PDB file of N, CA and C in Angstrom:
ATOM      1  N   MET A   1     103.884 120.508 115.814  1.00  0.00           N
ATOM      2  CA  MET A   1     103.091 120.609 117.015  1.00  0.00           C
ATOM      3  C   MET A   1     103.165 119.310 117.818  1.00  0.00           C
ATOM      4  N   VAL A   2     103.179 119.426 119.099  1.00  0.00           N
ATOM      5  CA  VAL A   2     103.229 118.268 119.986  1.00  0.00           C
ATOM      6  C   VAL A   2     101.865 117.577 120.030  1.00  0.00           C
ATOM      7  N   ALA A   3     101.866 116.353 120.542  1.00  0.00           N
ATOM      8  CA  ALA A   3     100.615 115.601 120.695  1.00  0.00           C
ATOM      9  C   ALA A   3      99.764 116.240 121.786  1.00  0.00           C
ATOM     10  N   SER A   4      98.474 116.252 121.570  1.00  0.00           N
ATOM     11  CA  SER A   4      97.576 116.726 122.623  1.00  0.00           C
ATOM     12  C   SER A   4      97.625 115.729 123.780  1.00  0.00           C
ATOM     13  N   ASP A   5      97.245 116.178 124.949  1.00  0.00           N
ATOM     14  CA  ASP A   5      97.244 115.284 126.109  1.00  0.00           C
ATOM     15  C   ASP A   5      96.329 114.081 125.869  1.00  0.00           C
ATOM     16  N   SER A   6      95.186 114.312 125.231  1.00  0.00           N
ATOM     17  CA  SER A   6      94.249 113.208 125.003  1.00  0.00           C
ATOM     18  C   SER A   6      94.798 112.211 123.994  1.00  0.00           C
ATOM     19  N   PHE A   7      95.500 112.695 122.958  1.00  0.00           N
ATOM     20  CA  PHE A   7      96.079 111.765 121.980  1.00  0.00           C
ATOM     21  C   PHE A   7      97.236 110.984 122.603  1.00  0.00           C
ATOM     22  N   ALA A   8      98.040 111.646 123.416  1.00  0.00           N
ATOM     23  CA  ALA A   8      99.144 110.966 124.099  1.00  0.00           C
ATOM     24  C   ALA A   8      98.610 109.858 125.002  1.00  0.00           C
ATOM     25  N   GLU A   9      97.542 110.138 125.735  1.00  0.00           N
ATOM     26  CA  GLU A   9      96.945 109.113 126.601  1.00  0.00           C
ATOM     27  C   GLU A   9      96.363 107.971 125.763  1.00  0.00           C
ATOM     28  N   PHE A  10      95.719 108.303 124.661  1.00  0.00           N
ATOM     29  CA  PHE A  10      95.183 107.294 123.745  1.00  0.00           C
ATOM     30  C   PHE A  10      96.295 106.372 123.261  1.00  0.00           C
ATOM     31  N   LEU A  11      97.429 106.950 122.873  1.00  0.00           N
ATOM     32  CA  LEU A  11      98.563 106.131 122.412  1.00  0.00           C
ATOM     33  C   LEU A  11      99.077 105.218 123.515  1.00  0.00           C
ATOM     34  N   ARG A  12      99.221 105.754 124.730  1.00  0.00           N
ATOM     35  CA  ARG A  12      99.700 104.917 125.843  1.00  0.00           C
ATOM     36  C   ARG A  12      98.769 103.732 126.048  1.00  0.00           C
ATOM     37  N   GLU A  13      97.470 103.959 125.952  1.00  0.00           N
ATOM     38  CA  GLU A  13      96.495 102.864 126.114  1.00  0.00           C
ATOM     39  C   GLU A  13      96.606 101.852 124.980  1.00  0.00           C
ATOM     40  N   GLN A  14      96.665 102.343 123.748  1.00  0.00           N
ATOM     41  CA  GLN A  14      96.717 101.460 122.580  1.00  0.00           C
ATOM     42  C   GLN A  14      98.005 100.637 122.542  1.00  0.00           C
ATOM     43  N   LEU A  15      99.097 101.230 123.000  1.00  0.00           N
ATOM     44  CA  LEU A  15     100.411 100.586 122.919  1.00  0.00           C
ATOM     45  C   LEU A  15     100.806  99.880 124.215  1.00  0.00           C
ATOM     46  N   ALA A  16      99.935  99.846 125.190  1.00  0.00           N
ATOM     47  CA  ALA A  16     100.220  99.224 126.485  1.00  0.00           C
ATOM     48  C   ALA A  16     100.704  97.776 126.380  1.00  0.00           C
ATOM     49  N   PRO A  17     100.215  96.966 125.433  1.00  0.00           N
ATOM     50  CA  PRO A  17     100.713  95.588 125.345  1.00  0.00           C
ATOM     51  C   PRO A  17     102.230  95.477 125.079  1.00  0.00           C
ATOM     52  N   LEU A  18     102.847  96.574 124.658  1.00  0.00           N
ATOM     53  CA  LEU A  18     104.281  96.553 124.371  1.00  0.00           C
ATOM     54  C   LEU A  18     105.127  96.549 125.640  1.00  0.00           C
ATOM     55  N   GLY A  19     104.585  97.049 126.718  1.00  0.00           N
ATOM     56  CA  GLY A  19     105.353  97.206 127.946  1.00  0.00           C
ATOM     57  C   GLY A  19     105.252  98.637 128.429  1.00  0.00           C
ATOM     58  N   HIS A  20     106.334  99.160 128.970  1.00  0.00           N
ATOM     59  CA  HIS A  20     106.354 100.509 129.537  1.00  0.00           C
ATOM     60  C   HIS A  20     106.490 101.536 128.404  1.00  0.00           C
ATOM     61  N   VAL A  21     105.372 102.125 127.997  1.00  0.00           N
ATOM     62  CA  VAL A  21     105.353 103.124 126.928  1.00  0.00           C
ATOM     63  C   VAL A  21     105.197 104.503 127.550  1.00  0.00           C
ATOM     64  N   THR A  22     106.073 105.410 127.136  1.00  0.00           N
ATOM     65  CA  THR A  22     106.006 106.787 127.615  1.00  0.00           C
ATOM     66  C   THR A  22     106.013 107.725 126.414  1.00  0.00           C
ATOM     67  N   VAL A  23     105.523 108.921 126.627  1.00  0.00           N
ATOM     68  CA  VAL A  23     105.586 109.966 125.614  1.00  0.00           C
ATOM     69  C   VAL A  23     106.240 111.183 126.240  1.00  0.00           C
ATOM     70  N   ARG A  24     107.037 111.865 125.435  1.00  0.00           N
ATOM     71  CA  ARG A  24     107.767 113.024 125.952  1.00  0.00           C
ATOM     72  C   ARG A  24     107.856 114.083 124.858  1.00  0.00           C
ATOM     73  N   ARG A  25     107.550 115.298 125.216  1.00  0.00           N
ATOM     74  CA  ARG A  25     107.659 116.401 124.272  1.00  0.00           C
ATOM     75  C   ARG A  25     109.126 116.739 124.046  1.00  0.00           C
ATOM     76  N   MET A  26     109.447 116.941 122.761  1.00  0.00           N
ATOM     77  CA  MET A  26     110.826 117.256 122.418  1.00  0.00           C
ATOM     78  C   MET A  26     110.894 117.901 121.038  1.00  0.00           C
ATOM     79  N   PHE A  27     111.642 118.951 120.908  1.00  0.00           N
ATOM     80  CA  PHE A  27     111.891 119.599 119.624  1.00  0.00           C
ATOM     81  C   PHE A  27     110.606 119.932 118.870  1.00  0.00           C
ATOM     82  N   GLY A  28     109.563 120.349 119.568  1.00  0.00           N
ATOM     83  CA  GLY A  28     108.316 120.717 118.925  1.00  0.00           C
ATOM     84  C   GLY A  28     107.468 119.536 118.481  1.00  0.00           C
ATOM     85  N   LYS A  29     107.884 118.331 118.834  1.00  0.00           N
ATOM     86  CA  LYS A  29     107.144 117.120 118.523  1.00  0.00           C
ATOM     87  C   LYS A  29     107.026 116.310 119.812  1.00  0.00           C
ATOM     88  N   THR A  30     106.442 115.123 119.719  1.00  0.00           N
ATOM     89  CA  THR A  30     106.337 114.243 120.878  1.00  0.00           C
ATOM     90  C   THR A  30     106.990 112.914 120.532  1.00  0.00           C
ATOM     91  N   GLY A  31     107.954 112.491 121.331  1.00  0.00           N
ATOM     92  CA  GLY A  31     108.590 111.192 121.142  1.00  0.00           C
ATOM     93  C   GLY A  31     107.790 110.109 121.855  1.00  0.00           C
ATOM     94  N   VAL A  32     107.726 108.929 121.239  1.00  0.00           N
ATOM     95  CA  VAL A  32     107.037 107.773 121.828  1.00  0.00           C
ATOM     96  C   VAL A  32     108.115 106.735 122.122  1.00  0.00           C
ATOM     97  N   PHE A  33     108.213 106.316 123.386  1.00  0.00           N
ATOM     98  CA  PHE A  33     109.293 105.448 123.843  1.00  0.00           C
ATOM     99  C   PHE A  33     108.752 104.152 124.441  1.00  0.00           C
ATOM    100  N   CYS A  34     109.506 103.085 124.254  1.00  0.00           N
ATOM    101  CA  CYS A  34     109.236 101.826 124.956  1.00  0.00           C
ATOM    102  C   CYS A  34     110.558 101.366 125.543  1.00  0.00           C
ATOM    103  N   ASP A  35     110.589 101.256 126.853  1.00  0.00           N
ATOM    104  CA  ASP A  35     111.808 100.852 127.553  1.00  0.00           C
ATOM    105  C   ASP A  35     113.016 101.676 127.115  1.00  0.00           C
ATOM    106  N   GLY A  36     112.812 102.967 126.962  1.00  0.00           N
ATOM    107  CA  GLY A  36     113.909 103.878 126.656  1.00  0.00           C
ATOM    108  C   GLY A  36     114.222 104.063 125.187  1.00  0.00           C
ATOM    109  N   LEU A  37     113.643 103.265 124.296  1.00  0.00           N
ATOM    110  CA  LEU A  37     113.896 103.407 122.860  1.00  0.00           C
ATOM    111  C   LEU A  37     112.798 104.248 122.221  1.00  0.00           C
ATOM    112  N   MET A  38     113.194 105.276 121.497  1.00  0.00           N
ATOM    113  CA  MET A  38     112.202 106.086 120.798  1.00  0.00           C
ATOM    114  C   MET A  38     111.860 105.406 119.475  1.00  0.00           C
ATOM    115  N   PHE A  39     110.661 104.842 119.416  1.00  0.00           N
ATOM    116  CA  PHE A  39     110.241 104.112 118.227  1.00  0.00           C
ATOM    117  C   PHE A  39     109.170 104.853 117.446  1.00  0.00           C
ATOM    118  N   GLY A  40     108.680 105.957 117.985  1.00  0.00           N
ATOM    119  CA  GLY A  40     107.655 106.721 117.295  1.00  0.00           C
ATOM    120  C   GLY A  40     107.765 108.191 117.615  1.00  0.00           C
ATOM    121  N   MET A  41     107.148 108.986 116.758  1.00  0.00           N
ATOM    122  CA  MET A  41     107.043 110.423 116.981  1.00  0.00           C
ATOM    123  C   MET A  41     105.635 110.842 116.615  1.00  0.00           C
ATOM    124  N   VAL A  42     105.172 111.879 117.268  1.00  0.00           N
ATOM    125  CA  VAL A  42     103.856 112.425 116.979  1.00  0.00           C
ATOM    126  C   VAL A  42     104.016 113.902 116.669  1.00  0.00           C
ATOM    127  N   THR A  43     103.361 114.309 115.617  1.00  0.00           N
ATOM    128  CA  THR A  43     103.239 115.725 115.305  1.00  0.00           C
ATOM    129  C   THR A  43     101.819 115.946 114.792  1.00  0.00           C
ATOM    130  N   ASP A  44     101.202 116.992 115.269  1.00  0.00           N
ATOM    131  CA  ASP A  44      99.806 117.285 114.901  1.00  0.00           C
ATOM    132  C   ASP A  44      98.897 116.079 115.113  1.00  0.00           C
ATOM    133  N   ASN A  45      99.085 115.378 116.218  1.00  0.00           N
ATOM    134  CA  ASN A  45      98.290 114.185 116.570  1.00  0.00           C
ATOM    135  C   ASN A  45      98.318 113.114 115.487  1.00  0.00           C
ATOM    136  N   THR A  46      99.443 113.019 114.802  1.00  0.00           N
ATOM    137  CA  THR A  46      99.668 111.987 113.794  1.00  0.00           C
ATOM    138  C   THR A  46     100.871 111.170 114.236  1.00  0.00           C
ATOM    139  N   LEU A  47     100.702 109.841 114.275  1.00  0.00           N
ATOM    140  CA  LEU A  47     101.762 108.941 114.724  1.00  0.00           C
ATOM    141  C   LEU A  47     102.648 108.526 113.559  1.00  0.00           C
ATOM    142  N   TYR A  48     103.939 108.571 113.794  1.00  0.00           N
ATOM    143  CA  TYR A  48     104.950 108.114 112.840  1.00  0.00           C
ATOM    144  C   TYR A  48     105.792 107.043 113.536  1.00  0.00           C
ATOM    145  N   PHE A  49     106.138 105.983 112.794  1.00  0.00           N
ATOM    146  CA  PHE A  49     106.968 104.903 113.324  1.00  0.00           C
ATOM    147  C   PHE A  49     108.372 104.956 112.737  1.00  0.00           C
ATOM    148  N   ARG A  50     109.356 104.526 113.535  1.00  0.00           N
ATOM    149  CA  ARG A  50     110.762 104.444 113.117  1.00  0.00           C
ATOM    150  C   ARG A  50     110.895 103.425 111.978  1.00  0.00           C
ATOM    151  N   VAL A  51     111.618 103.813 110.950  1.00  0.00           N
ATOM    152  CA  VAL A  51     111.840 102.953 109.787  1.00  0.00           C
ATOM    153  C   VAL A  51     113.337 102.846 109.539  1.00  0.00           C
ATOM    154  N   ASP A  52     113.770 101.646 109.159  1.00  0.00           N
ATOM    155  CA  ASP A  52     115.147 101.456 108.707  1.00  0.00           C
ATOM    156  C   ASP A  52     115.124 100.473 107.540  1.00  0.00           C
ATOM    157  N   ASP A  53     116.282 100.100 107.052  1.00  0.00           N
ATOM    158  CA  ASP A  53     116.353  99.199 105.893  1.00  0.00           C
ATOM    159  C   ASP A  53     115.700  97.853 106.161  1.00  0.00           C
ATOM    160  N   ASP A  54     115.730  97.395 107.411  1.00  0.00           N
ATOM    161  CA  ASP A  54     115.190  96.069 107.723  1.00  0.00           C
ATOM    162  C   ASP A  54     113.665  96.017 107.786  1.00  0.00           C
ATOM    163  N   ASN A  55     113.013  97.112 108.111  1.00  0.00           N
ATOM    164  CA  ASN A  55     111.543  97.065 108.214  1.00  0.00           C
ATOM    165  C   ASN A  55     110.833  97.903 107.155  1.00  0.00           C
ATOM    166  N   ARG A  56     111.589  98.515 106.277  1.00  0.00           N
ATOM    167  CA  ARG A  56     110.999  99.373 105.238  1.00  0.00           C
ATOM    168  C   ARG A  56     109.964  98.619 104.390  1.00  0.00           C
ATOM    169  N   ALA A  57     110.259  97.391 104.002  1.00  0.00           N
ATOM    170  CA  ALA A  57     109.323  96.608 103.185  1.00  0.00           C
ATOM    171  C   ALA A  57     108.040  96.300 103.960  1.00  0.00           C
ATOM    172  N   ASP A  58     108.154  96.063 105.267  1.00  0.00           N
ATOM    173  CA  ASP A  58     106.981  95.802 106.104  1.00  0.00           C
ATOM    174  C   ASP A  58     106.063  97.022 106.173  1.00  0.00           C
ATOM    175  N   PHE A  59     106.637  98.194 106.036  1.00  0.00           N
ATOM    176  CA  PHE A  59     105.886  99.440 106.154  1.00  0.00           C
ATOM    177  C   PHE A  59     105.546 100.038 104.789  1.00  0.00           C
ATOM    178  N   LYS A  60     105.559  99.212 103.756  1.00  0.00           N
ATOM    179  CA  LYS A  60     105.319  99.662 102.384  1.00  0.00           C
ATOM    180  C   LYS A  60     104.064 100.546 102.281  1.00  0.00           C
ATOM    181  N   GLU A  61     103.014 100.157 102.974  1.00  0.00           N
ATOM    182  CA  GLU A  61     101.755 100.912 102.943  1.00  0.00           C
ATOM    183  C   GLU A  61     101.956 102.370 103.369  1.00  0.00           C
ATOM    184  N   ALA A  62     102.897 102.611 104.258  1.00  0.00           N
ATOM    185  CA  ALA A  62     103.124 103.956 104.779  1.00  0.00           C
ATOM    186  C   ALA A  62     103.814 104.867 103.765  1.00  0.00           C
ATOM    187  N   GLU A  63     104.364 104.298 102.702  1.00  0.00           N
ATOM    188  CA  GLU A  63     105.026 105.115 101.681  1.00  0.00           C
ATOM    189  C   GLU A  63     104.056 106.064 100.979  1.00  0.00           C
ATOM    190  N   ALA A  64     102.771 105.796 101.091  1.00  0.00           N
ATOM    191  CA  ALA A  64     101.772 106.654 100.452  1.00  0.00           C
ATOM    192  C   ALA A  64     101.727 108.042 101.089  1.00  0.00           C
ATOM    193  N   TYR A  65     102.276 108.180 102.286  1.00  0.00           N
ATOM    194  CA  TYR A  65     102.259 109.447 103.011  1.00  0.00           C
ATOM    195  C   TYR A  65     103.677 109.991 103.096  1.00  0.00           C
ATOM    196  N   PRO A  66     103.812 111.305 103.172  1.00  0.00           N
ATOM    197  CA  PRO A  66     105.161 111.860 103.308  1.00  0.00           C
ATOM    198  C   PRO A  66     105.793 111.451 104.644  1.00  0.00           C
ATOM    199  N   PRO A  67     107.093 111.167 104.651  1.00  0.00           N
ATOM    200  CA  PRO A  67     107.771 110.837 105.909  1.00  0.00           C
ATOM    201  C   PRO A  67     107.915 112.089 106.775  1.00  0.00           C
ATOM    202  N   LEU A  68     108.204 111.877 108.021  1.00  0.00           N
ATOM    203  CA  LEU A  68     108.434 112.995 108.931  1.00  0.00           C
ATOM    204  C   LEU A  68     109.793 113.601 108.588  1.00  0.00           C
ATOM    205  N   ASN A  69     109.816 114.906 108.360  1.00  0.00           N
ATOM    206  CA  ASN A  69     111.075 115.569 108.041  1.00  0.00           C
ATOM    207  C   ASN A  69     111.015 117.022 108.492  1.00  0.00           C
ATOM    208  N   TYR A  70     112.125 117.699 108.325  1.00  0.00           N
ATOM    209  CA  TYR A  70     112.185 119.127 108.604  1.00  0.00           C
ATOM    210  C   TYR A  70     113.135 119.760 107.602  1.00  0.00           C
ATOM    211  N   SER A  71     113.065 121.059 107.482  1.00  0.00           N
ATOM    212  CA  SER A  71     113.928 121.773 106.536  1.00  0.00           C
ATOM    213  C   SER A  71     115.112 122.373 107.268  1.00  0.00           C
ATOM    214  N   LYS A  72     116.260 122.242 106.626  1.00  0.00           N
ATOM    215  CA  LYS A  72     117.477 122.852 107.172  1.00  0.00           C
ATOM    216  C   LYS A  72     118.271 123.405 105.995  1.00  0.00           C
ATOM    217  N   LYS A  73     118.474 124.697 106.011  1.00  0.00           N
ATOM    218  CA  LYS A  73     119.201 125.387 104.950  1.00  0.00           C
ATOM    219  C   LYS A  73     118.634 125.057 103.573  1.00  0.00           C
ATOM    220  N   GLY A  74     117.313 125.000 103.497  1.00  0.00           N
ATOM    221  CA  GLY A  74     116.652 124.766 102.218  1.00  0.00           C
ATOM    222  C   GLY A  74     116.549 123.318 101.783  1.00  0.00           C
ATOM    223  N   PHE A  75     117.030 122.395 102.594  1.00  0.00           N
ATOM    224  CA  PHE A  75     116.972 120.968 102.255  1.00  0.00           C
ATOM    225  C   PHE A  75     116.047 120.240 103.229  1.00  0.00           C
ATOM    226  N   ALA A  76     115.333 119.250 102.713  1.00  0.00           N
ATOM    227  CA  ALA A  76     114.479 118.425 103.574  1.00  0.00           C
ATOM    228  C   ALA A  76     115.337 117.343 104.213  1.00  0.00           C
ATOM    229  N   ILE A  77     115.287 117.252 105.524  1.00  0.00           N
ATOM    230  CA  ILE A  77     116.032 116.253 106.283  1.00  0.00           C
ATOM    231  C   ILE A  77     115.041 115.174 106.711  1.00  0.00           C
ATOM    232  N   ASP A  78     115.252 113.949 106.224  1.00  0.00           N
ATOM    233  CA  ASP A  78     114.378 112.819 106.546  1.00  0.00           C
ATOM    234  C   ASP A  78     114.743 112.289 107.922  1.00  0.00           C
ATOM    235  N   LEU A  79     113.746 112.134 108.783  1.00  0.00           N
ATOM    236  CA  LEU A  79     113.981 111.648 110.137  1.00  0.00           C
ATOM    237  C   LEU A  79     113.807 110.129 110.264  1.00  0.00           C
ATOM    238  N   SER A  80     113.505 109.447 109.165  1.00  0.00           N
ATOM    239  CA  SER A  80     113.301 107.989 109.164  1.00  0.00           C
ATOM    240  C   SER A  80     112.143 107.559 110.054  1.00  0.00           C
ATOM    241  N   PHE A  81     111.089 108.346 110.016  1.00  0.00           N
ATOM    242  CA  PHE A  81     109.837 108.003 110.672  1.00  0.00           C
ATOM    243  C   PHE A  81     108.739 108.121 109.615  1.00  0.00           C
ATOM    244  N   TRP A  82     107.951 107.052 109.460  1.00  0.00           N
ATOM    245  CA  TRP A  82     106.874 107.036 108.473  1.00  0.00           C
ATOM    246  C   TRP A  82     105.533 107.040 109.181  1.00  0.00           C
ATOM    247  N   ARG A  83     104.589 107.696 108.541  1.00  0.00           N
ATOM    248  CA  ARG A  83     103.254 107.855 109.106  1.00  0.00           C
ATOM    249  C   ARG A  83     102.534 106.508 109.213  1.00  0.00           C
ATOM    250  N   ALA A  84     101.978 106.260 110.386  1.00  0.00           N
ATOM    251  CA  ALA A  84     101.177 105.052 110.607  1.00  0.00           C
ATOM    252  C   ALA A  84      99.819 105.247 109.937  1.00  0.00           C
ATOM    253  N   PRO A  85      99.388 104.297 109.126  1.00  0.00           N
ATOM    254  CA  PRO A  85      98.068 104.423 108.514  1.00  0.00           C
ATOM    255  C   PRO A  85      96.975 104.508 109.589  1.00  0.00           C
ATOM    256  N   GLU A  86      96.006 105.362 109.370  1.00  0.00           N
ATOM    257  CA  GLU A  86      94.914 105.569 110.332  1.00  0.00           C
ATOM    258  C   GLU A  86      94.174 104.270 110.654  1.00  0.00           C
ATOM    259  N   ARG A  87      94.067 103.367 109.682  1.00  0.00           N
ATOM    260  CA  ARG A  87      93.313 102.124 109.874  1.00  0.00           C
ATOM    261  C   ARG A  87      93.881 101.275 111.011  1.00  0.00           C
ATOM    262  N   LEU A  88      95.171 101.482 111.359  1.00  0.00           N
ATOM    263  CA  LEU A  88      95.785 100.691 112.427  1.00  0.00           C
ATOM    264  C   LEU A  88      95.107 100.915 113.773  1.00  0.00           C
ATOM    265  N   PHE A  89      94.513 102.086 113.959  1.00  0.00           N
ATOM    266  CA  PHE A  89      93.856 102.366 115.234  1.00  0.00           C
ATOM    267  C   PHE A  89      92.562 101.565 115.392  1.00  0.00           C
ATOM    268  N   ASP A  90      92.066 100.998 114.294  1.00  0.00           N
ATOM    269  CA  ASP A  90      90.896 100.112 114.342  1.00  0.00           C
ATOM    270  C   ASP A  90      91.298  98.643 114.351  1.00  0.00           C
ATOM    271  N   GLU A  91      92.601  98.385 114.249  1.00  0.00           N
ATOM    272  CA  GLU A  91      93.128  97.019 114.211  1.00  0.00           C
ATOM    273  C   GLU A  91      94.264  96.902 115.235  1.00  0.00           C
ATOM    274  N   PRO A  92      93.921  96.771 116.515  1.00  0.00           N
ATOM    275  CA  PRO A  92      94.923  96.832 117.587  1.00  0.00           C
ATOM    276  C   PRO A  92      96.070  95.833 117.439  1.00  0.00           C
ATOM    277  N   ASP A  93      95.788  94.624 116.987  1.00  0.00           N
ATOM    278  CA  ASP A  93      96.869  93.637 116.844  1.00  0.00           C
ATOM    279  C   ASP A  93      97.874  94.079 115.786  1.00  0.00           C
ATOM    280  N   GLU A  94      97.367  94.640 114.709  1.00  0.00           N
ATOM    281  CA  GLU A  94      98.273  95.105 113.654  1.00  0.00           C
ATOM    282  C   GLU A  94      99.036  96.351 114.089  1.00  0.00           C
ATOM    283  N   LEU A  95      98.380  97.221 114.846  1.00  0.00           N
ATOM    284  CA  LEU A  95      99.074  98.391 115.393  1.00  0.00           C
ATOM    285  C   LEU A  95     100.258  97.943 116.242  1.00  0.00           C
ATOM    286  N   ILE A  96     100.044  96.951 117.086  1.00  0.00           N
ATOM    287  CA  ILE A  96     101.120  96.439 117.943  1.00  0.00           C
ATOM    288  C   ILE A  96     102.219  95.798 117.094  1.00  0.00           C
ATOM    289  N   ALA A  97     101.851  95.091 116.032  1.00  0.00           N
ATOM    290  CA  ALA A  97     102.862  94.486 115.148  1.00  0.00           C
ATOM    291  C   ALA A  97     103.721  95.568 114.494  1.00  0.00           C
ATOM    292  N   TRP A  98     103.109  96.632 114.021  1.00  0.00           N
ATOM    293  CA  TRP A  98     103.869  97.741 113.435  1.00  0.00           C
ATOM    294  C   TRP A  98     104.768  98.371 114.496  1.00  0.00           C
ATOM    295  N   ALA A  99     104.228  98.559 115.692  1.00  0.00           N
ATOM    296  CA  ALA A  99     105.013  99.167 116.771  1.00  0.00           C
ATOM    297  C   ALA A  99     106.214  98.293 117.131  1.00  0.00           C
ATOM    298  N   ARG A 100     106.014  96.980 117.168  1.00  0.00           N
ATOM    299  CA  ARG A 100     107.144  96.084 117.466  1.00  0.00           C
ATOM    300  C   ARG A 100     108.227  96.173 116.389  1.00  0.00           C
ATOM    301  N   ALA A 101     107.813  96.267 115.134  1.00  0.00           N
ATOM    302  CA  ALA A 101     108.780  96.425 114.044  1.00  0.00           C
ATOM    303  C   ALA A 101     109.528  97.753 114.184  1.00  0.00           C
ATOM    304  N   ALA A 102     108.833  98.798 114.623  1.00  0.00           N
ATOM    305  CA  ALA A 102     109.470 100.097 114.828  1.00  0.00           C
ATOM    306  C   ALA A 102     110.428 100.057 116.020  1.00  0.00           C
ATOM    307  N   ILE A 103     110.061  99.329 117.068  1.00  0.00           N
ATOM    308  CA  ILE A 103     110.950  99.179 118.225  1.00  0.00           C
ATOM    309  C   ILE A 103     112.218  98.444 117.814  1.00  0.00           C
ATOM    310  N   ALA A 104     112.065  97.411 117.010  1.00  0.00           N
ATOM    311  CA  ALA A 104     113.246  96.673 116.529  1.00  0.00           C
ATOM    312  C   ALA A 104     114.149  97.600 115.719  1.00  0.00           C
ATOM    313  N   ALA A 105     113.554  98.430 114.869  1.00  0.00           N
ATOM    314  CA  ALA A 105     114.342  99.394 114.086  1.00  0.00           C
ATOM    315  C   ALA A 105     115.047 100.383 115.004  1.00  0.00           C
ATOM    316  N   ALA A 106     114.348 100.865 116.018  1.00  0.00           N
ATOM    317  CA  ALA A 106     114.950 101.804 116.973  1.00  0.00           C
ATOM    318  C   ALA A 106     116.132 101.161 117.690  1.00  0.00           C
ATOM    319  N   GLY A 107     116.000  99.884 118.018  1.00  0.00           N
ATOM    320  CA  GLY A 107     117.105  99.161 118.650  1.00  0.00           C
ATOM    321  C   GLY A 107     118.305  99.049 117.729  1.00  0.00           C
ATOM    322  N   ARG A 108     118.052  98.778 116.449  1.00  0.00           N
ATOM    323  CA  ARG A 108     119.164  98.679 115.484  1.00  0.00           C
ATOM    324  C   ARG A 108     119.848 100.030 115.295  1.00  0.00           C
ATOM    325  N   VAL A 109     119.056 101.088 115.239  1.00  0.00           N
ATOM    326  CA  VAL A 109     119.624 102.434 115.093  1.00  0.00           C
ATOM    327  C   VAL A 109     120.472 102.772 116.315  1.00  0.00           C
ATOM    328  N   ALA A 110     119.973 102.470 117.504  1.00  0.00           N
ATOM    329  CA  ALA A 110     120.730 102.741 118.738  1.00  0.00           C
ATOM    330  C   ALA A 110     122.023 101.937 118.769  1.00  0.00           C
ATOM    331  N   ALA A 111     121.964 100.683 118.338  1.00  0.00           N
ATOM    332  CA  ALA A 111     123.168  99.841 118.327  1.00  0.00           C
ATOM    333  C   ALA A 111     124.206 100.389 117.355  1.00  0.00           C
ATOM    334  N   LYS A 112     123.758 100.852 116.198  1.00  0.00           N
ATOM    335  CA  LYS A 112     124.699 101.436 115.225  1.00  0.00           C
ATOM    336  C   LYS A 112     125.365 102.678 115.794  1.00  0.00           C
ATOM    337  N   ARG A 113     124.583 103.487 116.493  1.00  0.00           N
ATOM    338  CA  ARG A 113     125.152 104.706 117.088  1.00  0.00           C
ATOM    339  C   ARG A 113     126.187 104.363 118.150  1.00  0.00           C
ATOM    340  N   GLN A 114     125.919 103.338 118.946  1.00  0.00           N
ATOM    341  CA  GLN A 114     126.868 102.937 119.985  1.00  0.00           C
ATOM    342  C   GLN A 114     128.142 102.380 119.368  1.00  0.00           C
ATOM    343  N   ARG A 115     128.020 101.624 118.287  1.00  0.00           N
ATOM    344  CA  ARG A 115     129.209 101.081 117.620  1.00  0.00           C
ATOM    345  C   ARG A 115     130.011 102.175 116.956  1.00  0.00           C
ATOM    346  N   ALA A 116     129.339 103.175 116.414  1.00  0.00           N
ATOM    347  CA  ALA A 116     130.024 104.251 115.704  1.00  0.00           C
ATOM    348  C   ALA A 116     130.771 105.161 116.653  1.00  0.00           C
ATOM    349  N   THR A 117     130.289 105.327 117.854  1.00  0.00           N
ATOM    350  CA  THR A 117     130.881 106.273 118.789  1.00  0.00           C
ATOM    351  C   THR A 117     132.351 105.973 119.086  1.00  0.00           C
ATOM    352  N   PRO A 118     132.758 104.729 119.420  1.00  0.00           N
ATOM    353  CA  PRO A 118     134.175 104.489 119.677  1.00  0.00           C
ATOM    354  C   PRO A 118     135.045 104.771 118.448  1.00  0.00           C
ATOM    355  N   LYS A 119     134.557 104.464 117.269  1.00  0.00           N
ATOM    356  CA  LYS A 119     135.317 104.729 116.034  1.00  0.00           C
ATOM    357  C   LYS A 119     135.517 106.220 115.850  1.00  0.00           C
ATOM    358  N   GLN A 120     134.453 106.961 116.094  1.00  0.00           N
ATOM    359  CA  GLN A 120     134.556 108.414 115.937  1.00  0.00           C
ATOM    360  C   GLN A 120     135.539 108.995 116.947  1.00  0.00           C
ATOM    361  N   ARG A 121     135.528 108.462 118.159  1.00  0.00           N
ATOM    362  CA  ARG A 121     136.476 108.937 119.171  1.00  0.00           C
ATOM    363  C   ARG A 121     137.903 108.633 118.768  1.00  0.00           C
ATOM    364  N   ALA A 122     138.139 107.445 118.219  1.00  0.00           N
ATOM    365  CA  ALA A 122     139.479 107.062 117.797  1.00  0.00           C
ATOM    366  C   ALA A 122     139.977 107.974 116.693  1.00  0.00           C
ATOM    367  N   LYS A 123     139.102 108.334 115.759  1.00  0.00           N
ATOM    368  CA  LYS A 123     139.492 109.223 114.664  1.00  0.00           C
ATOM    369  C   LYS A 123     139.870 110.601 115.202  1.00  0.00           C
ATOM    370  N   ARG A 124     139.130 111.087 116.191  1.00  0.00           N
ATOM    371  CA  ARG A 124     139.398 112.406 116.759  1.00  0.00           C
ATOM    372  C   ARG A 124     140.733 112.431 117.495  1.00  0.00           C
ATOM    373  N   GLN A 125     141.101 111.303 118.126  1.00  0.00           N
ATOM    374  CA  GLN A 125     142.328 111.248 118.916  1.00  0.00           C
ATOM    375  C   GLN A 125     143.566 111.117 118.040  1.00  0.00           C
ATOM    376  N   SER A 126     143.418 110.610 116.823  1.00  0.00           N
ATOM    377  CA  SER A 126     144.614 110.429 115.981  1.00  0.00           C
ATOM    378  C   SER A 126     144.949 111.630 115.170  1.00  0.00           C
TER     379      SER A 126
END
């Protein structure tokens, strides 16, 4: 389920110190973006942050909750988004710190995709 309008507005307010934060409905969920990078997702008014190998240890607390995933042909597909602990909404500075770590992860993921694209094209042409 996508984020409710009130939750989306709440997130924009809470994450405003990051810069230009937008939310957009997509694939039955809501993407959370900062300057074009999707660093979060919302489903059922629950915020998930982008996780990669570099920030996984920082988000250790989030391991207590199931990651955001979906089923495909009977298998769970991990989307590399971990649930933000509810307590972060009472600790704005820490919420922003987690969001910045998620933005950094989103940037690394985007950079890897851009680097992989020319290689994939070269393989297809040969």
